[in-house]
Protein backbone atom coordinates (compact mmCIF):
# COMPACT_ATOMS: atom_id res chain seq x y z
CA UNK A 1 -0.97 -5.96 -8.36
CA UNK A 2 -3.05 -9.31 -7.44
CA UNK A 3 -4.14 -9.81 -4.12
CA UNK A 4 -3.24 -12.47 -1.68
CA UNK A 5 -6.88 -14.71 -2.81
CA UNK A 6 -5.38 -14.44 -6.19
CA UNK A 7 -1.19 -15.22 -4.97
CA UNK A 8 -1.24 -17.49 -1.82
CA UNK A 9 -4.78 -18.71 -2.49
CA UNK A 10 -6.32 -17.01 0.70
CA UNK A 11 -6.21 -13.95 2.85
CA UNK A 12 -4.66 -15.28 5.76
CA UNK A 13 -0.62 -14.63 5.03
CA UNK A 14 2.48 -14.12 7.64
CA UNK A 15 2.76 -10.73 8.13
CA UNK A 16 7.02 -10.49 6.95
CA UNK A 17 8.62 -10.15 10.07
CA UNK A 18 9.87 -6.42 10.99
CA UNK A 19 13.42 -7.68 11.31
CA UNK A 20 13.99 -9.15 8.27
CA UNK A 21 12.54 -5.95 6.66
CA UNK A 22 14.34 -3.78 8.36
CA UNK A 23 17.55 -5.50 7.21
CA UNK A 24 16.84 -5.42 3.72
CA UNK A 25 15.84 -2.23 4.21
CA UNK A 26 19.31 -0.32 6.21
CA UNK A 27 21.22 -2.86 2.54
CA UNK A 28 18.79 -0.83 0.07
CA UNK A 29 19.52 2.89 2.29
CA UNK A 30 23.27 2.26 2.68
CA UNK A 31 23.10 0.97 -0.47
CA UNK A 32 21.44 3.99 -2.52
CA UNK A 33 23.75 6.26 -0.42
CA UNK A 34 26.83 5.35 -2.30
CA UNK A 35 24.67 5.74 -5.15
CA UNK A 36 23.95 9.91 -4.87
CA UNK A 37 27.65 10.03 -3.98
CA UNK A 38 28.96 9.14 -8.00
CA UNK A 39 29.20 12.40 -9.58
CA UNK A 40 25.19 13.35 -11.27
CA UNK A 41 27.02 12.87 -14.46
CA UNK A 42 27.52 9.06 -14.01
CA UNK A 43 24.70 7.81 -12.28
CA UNK A 44 22.93 5.57 -12.65
CA UNK A 45 19.77 6.52 -12.51
CA UNK A 46 17.72 3.30 -13.90
CA UNK A 47 19.05 1.67 -10.00
CA UNK A 48 18.55 5.23 -8.34
CA UNK A 49 15.31 4.54 -9.32
CA UNK A 50 14.64 0.27 -9.32
CA UNK A 51 16.78 1.09 -5.45
CA UNK A 52 14.13 3.73 -4.36
CA UNK A 53 11.82 1.41 -5.21
CA UNK A 54 12.42 -1.27 -2.78
CA UNK A 55 12.93 0.44 -0.48
CA UNK A 56 9.10 2.10 -0.82
CA UNK A 57 8.07 -1.69 -1.07
CA UNK A 58 10.25 -2.80 1.57
CA UNK A 59 8.31 -0.49 3.43
CA UNK A 60 4.86 -1.09 2.52
CA UNK A 61 5.99 -4.53 3.09
CA UNK A 62 7.24 -4.04 7.21
CA UNK A 63 4.32 -2.05 7.68
CA UNK A 64 1.79 -3.76 6.91
CA UNK A 65 0.47 -1.99 4.12
CA UNK A 66 -1.68 -3.51 0.71
CA UNK A 67 0.88 -3.84 -2.37
CA UNK A 68 -0.20 -2.01 -5.06
């Protein structure tokens, strides 16, 4: 992953408000719960993995961690 300086041309990039990240996390986790309620033979594993990656991504953004 590129650094903030490479992407934005500065290290002074605004932080994502926790409220925004938390709203997205709630939606993602709710969606994940629904996806996991489907019988395992009919689950969309690619979608489940994508939602799990998105959850991890937004948790890192919310917590101010550097994204890899």
